């Protein structure tokens, strides 16, 4: 048995290296289209939602606490969770309440 070694220059000349590079680039493009791009869109929508919140909006915190916004600051909200009970929460931990989302969906359907 004899082993044949193909020099790297011969393998590259046959196109083996170039097709490998194309496959890697295609894999990266597909990964970006199906994984990274949708995540960026979702983050942009959430950021836009949080910037549009005003006094009186109903929200849910990341911890599952339902409340109504009493005051909007630069990085925080003052949220009333019960009559006379107010807490300060970070803007990054706020989501729309389920009831508001359902009402918005019904209004969109009626239009």
C-alpha atoms as a PDB file:
ATOM      1  CA  UNK A   1       0.000   0.000   0.000  1.00  0.00           C
ATOM      2  CA  UNK A   2       1.272   3.393  -0.856  1.00  0.00           C
ATOM      3  CA  UNK A   3      -0.092   6.669   0.351  1.00  0.00           C
ATOM      4  CA  UNK A   4      -0.315   9.571  -2.021  1.00  0.00           C
ATOM      5  CA  UNK A   5      -0.041  13.076  -0.664  1.00  0.00           C
ATOM      6  CA  UNK A   6      -1.607  15.807  -2.702  1.00  0.00           C
ATOM      7  CA  UNK A   7       0.148  19.119  -2.239  1.00  0.00           C
ATOM      8  CA  UNK A   8      -2.026  21.977  -1.002  1.00  0.00           C
ATOM      9  CA  UNK A   9      -1.484  23.910  -4.201  1.00  0.00           C
ATOM     10  CA  UNK A  10      -2.970  21.074  -6.262  1.00  0.00           C
ATOM     11  CA  UNK A  11      -6.035  20.844  -3.982  1.00  0.00           C
ATOM     12  CA  UNK A  12      -6.603  24.578  -4.215  1.00  0.00           C
ATOM     13  CA  UNK A  13      -6.159  24.489  -7.972  1.00  0.00           C
ATOM     14  CA  UNK A  14      -8.880  21.855  -8.210  1.00  0.00           C
ATOM     15  CA  UNK A  15     -11.340  24.213  -6.495  1.00  0.00           C
ATOM     16  CA  UNK A  16     -11.665  22.347  -3.210  1.00  0.00           C
ATOM     17  CA  UNK A  17     -10.751  25.352  -1.084  1.00  0.00           C
ATOM     18  CA  UNK A  18     -12.945  27.822  -2.939  1.00  0.00           C
ATOM     19  CA  UNK A  19     -16.124  25.746  -2.640  1.00  0.00           C
ATOM     20  CA  UNK A  20     -15.480  25.318   1.078  1.00  0.00           C
ATOM     21  CA  UNK A  21     -15.306  29.089   1.528  1.00  0.00           C
ATOM     22  CA  UNK A  22     -18.548  29.549  -0.423  1.00  0.00           C
ATOM     23  CA  UNK A  23     -20.297  26.985   1.793  1.00  0.00           C
ATOM     24  CA  UNK A  24     -19.147  28.756   4.949  1.00  0.00           C
ATOM     25  CA  UNK A  25     -20.352  32.124   3.628  1.00  0.00           C
ATOM     26  CA  UNK A  26     -23.727  30.628   2.658  1.00  0.00           C
ATOM     27  CA  UNK A  27     -24.048  29.052   6.094  1.00  0.00           C
ATOM     28  CA  UNK A  28     -23.358  32.406   7.759  1.00  0.00           C
ATOM     29  CA  UNK A  29     -25.940  34.164   5.549  1.00  0.00           C
ATOM     30  CA  UNK A  30     -28.614  31.574   6.356  1.00  0.00           C
ATOM     31  CA  UNK A  31     -27.773  31.789  10.056  1.00  0.00           C
ATOM     32  CA  UNK A  32     -28.120  35.584   9.939  1.00  0.00           C
ATOM     33  CA  UNK A  33     -31.448  35.434   8.064  1.00  0.00           C
ATOM     34  CA  UNK A  34     -33.109  32.905  10.342  1.00  0.00           C
ATOM     35  CA  UNK A  35     -31.568  33.636  13.744  1.00  0.00           C
ATOM     36  CA  UNK A  36     -30.075  37.091  14.137  1.00  0.00           C
ATOM     37  CA  UNK A  37     -32.347  39.260  11.976  1.00  0.00           C
ATOM     38  CA  UNK A  38     -35.678  38.166  13.593  1.00  0.00           C
ATOM     39  CA  UNK A  39     -34.192  38.674  17.057  1.00  0.00           C
ATOM     40  CA  UNK A  40     -33.096  42.206  16.149  1.00  0.00           C
ATOM     41  CA  UNK A  41     -36.600  42.992  14.860  1.00  0.00           C
ATOM     42  CA  UNK A  42     -38.180  41.728  18.094  1.00  0.00           C
ATOM     43  CA  UNK A  43     -35.780  43.782  20.215  1.00  0.00           C
ATOM     44  CA  UNK A  44     -36.546  46.883  18.147  1.00  0.00           C
ATOM     45  CA  UNK A  45     -40.313  46.392  18.622  1.00  0.00           C
ATOM     46  CA  UNK A  46     -39.914  45.933  22.388  1.00  0.00           C
ATOM     47  CA  UNK A  47     -37.700  49.033  22.623  1.00  0.00           C
ATOM     48  CA  UNK A  48     -40.250  51.050  20.641  1.00  0.00           C
ATOM     49  CA  UNK A  49     -43.053  49.807  22.932  1.00  0.00           C
ATOM     50  CA  UNK A  50     -41.169  50.771  26.089  1.00  0.00           C
ATOM     51  CA  UNK A  51     -40.420  54.247  24.735  1.00  0.00           C
ATOM     52  CA  UNK A  52     -44.119  54.792  23.940  1.00  0.00           C
ATOM     53  CA  UNK A  53     -45.373  54.009  27.457  1.00  0.00           C
ATOM     54  CA  UNK A  54     -47.025  56.909  29.272  1.00  0.00           C
ATOM     55  CA  UNK A  55     -48.736  57.599  32.573  1.00  0.00           C
ATOM     56  CA  UNK A  56     -51.850  55.461  33.013  1.00  0.00           C
ATOM     57  CA  UNK A  57     -50.740  52.520  30.816  1.00  0.00           C
ATOM     58  CA  UNK A  58     -51.187  49.041  32.281  1.00  0.00           C
ATOM     59  CA  UNK A  59     -48.080  46.861  32.300  1.00  0.00           C
ATOM     60  CA  UNK A  60     -46.680  43.576  33.595  1.00  0.00           C
ATOM     61  CA  UNK A  61     -43.191  43.375  35.061  1.00  0.00           C
ATOM     62  CA  UNK A  62     -40.750  40.580  34.267  1.00  0.00           C
ATOM     63  CA  UNK A  63     -41.555  39.175  37.712  1.00  0.00           C
ATOM     64  CA  UNK A  64     -45.260  38.929  36.864  1.00  0.00           C
ATOM     65  CA  UNK A  65     -46.475  41.965  38.824  1.00  0.00           C
ATOM     66  CA  UNK A  66     -49.415  43.758  37.212  1.00  0.00           C
ATOM     67  CA  UNK A  67     -49.708  47.508  37.654  1.00  0.00           C
ATOM     68  CA  UNK A  68     -50.419  50.917  36.212  1.00  0.00           C
ATOM     69  CA  UNK A  69     -47.718  53.471  35.395  1.00  0.00           C
ATOM     70  CA  UNK A  70     -47.894  56.548  37.642  1.00  0.00           C
ATOM     71  CA  UNK A  71     -44.676  58.269  36.611  1.00  0.00           C
ATOM     72  CA  UNK A  72     -42.193  57.931  33.757  1.00  0.00           C
ATOM     73  CA  UNK A  73     -38.521  58.719  34.403  1.00  0.00           C
ATOM     74  CA  UNK A  74     -35.461  58.410  32.166  1.00  0.00           C
ATOM     75  CA  UNK A  75     -34.609  54.810  33.124  1.00  0.00           C
ATOM     76  CA  UNK A  76     -37.420  53.787  35.476  1.00  0.00           C
ATOM     77  CA  UNK A  77     -41.188  53.730  35.949  1.00  0.00           C
ATOM     78  CA  UNK A  78     -43.144  54.338  39.125  1.00  0.00           C
ATOM     79  CA  UNK A  79     -45.856  51.672  38.999  1.00  0.00           C
ATOM     80  CA  UNK A  80     -48.913  51.424  41.247  1.00  0.00           C
ATOM     81  CA  UNK A  81     -49.546  47.743  41.974  1.00  0.00           C
ATOM     82  CA  UNK A  82     -52.327  48.254  44.522  1.00  0.00           C
ATOM     83  CA  UNK A  83     -54.170  51.275  45.858  1.00  0.00           C
ATOM     84  CA  UNK A  84     -51.485  53.380  47.556  1.00  0.00           C
ATOM     85  CA  UNK A  85     -48.688  50.855  46.859  1.00  0.00           C
ATOM     86  CA  UNK A  86     -46.118  52.097  44.345  1.00  0.00           C
ATOM     87  CA  UNK A  87     -42.859  50.523  43.256  1.00  0.00           C
ATOM     88  CA  UNK A  88     -40.009  51.751  41.079  1.00  0.00           C
ATOM     89  CA  UNK A  89     -39.016  49.377  38.298  1.00  0.00           C
ATOM     90  CA  UNK A  90     -36.479  49.424  35.490  1.00  0.00           C
ATOM     91  CA  UNK A  91     -37.832  50.131  32.003  1.00  0.00           C
ATOM     92  CA  UNK A  92     -36.204  46.955  30.736  1.00  0.00           C
ATOM     93  CA  UNK A  93     -38.440  44.761  32.885  1.00  0.00           C
ATOM     94  CA  UNK A  94     -41.803  45.988  31.561  1.00  0.00           C
ATOM     95  CA  UNK A  95     -44.135  44.199  29.161  1.00  0.00           C
ATOM     96  CA  UNK A  96     -47.666  45.076  27.965  1.00  0.00           C
ATOM     97  CA  UNK A  97     -50.416  43.568  30.088  1.00  0.00           C
ATOM     98  CA  UNK A  98     -52.348  40.663  28.583  1.00  0.00           C
ATOM     99  CA  UNK A  99     -55.677  42.504  28.816  1.00  0.00           C
ATOM    100  CA  UNK A 100     -54.325  45.500  26.895  1.00  0.00           C
ATOM    101  CA  UNK A 101     -52.881  43.224  24.228  1.00  0.00           C
ATOM    102  CA  UNK A 102     -56.249  41.473  23.825  1.00  0.00           C
ATOM    103  CA  UNK A 103     -58.080  44.817  23.565  1.00  0.00           C
ATOM    104  CA  UNK A 104     -55.628  46.073  20.952  1.00  0.00           C
ATOM    105  CA  UNK A 105     -56.107  42.879  18.936  1.00  0.00           C
ATOM    106  CA  UNK A 106     -59.901  43.301  19.019  1.00  0.00           C
ATOM    107  CA  UNK A 107     -59.629  46.932  17.922  1.00  0.00           C
ATOM    108  CA  UNK A 108     -57.368  45.942  15.005  1.00  0.00           C
ATOM    109  CA  UNK A 109     -59.885  43.325  13.893  1.00  0.00           C
ATOM    110  CA  UNK A 110     -62.726  45.856  13.931  1.00  0.00           C
ATOM    111  CA  UNK A 111     -60.824  48.294  11.684  1.00  0.00           C
END
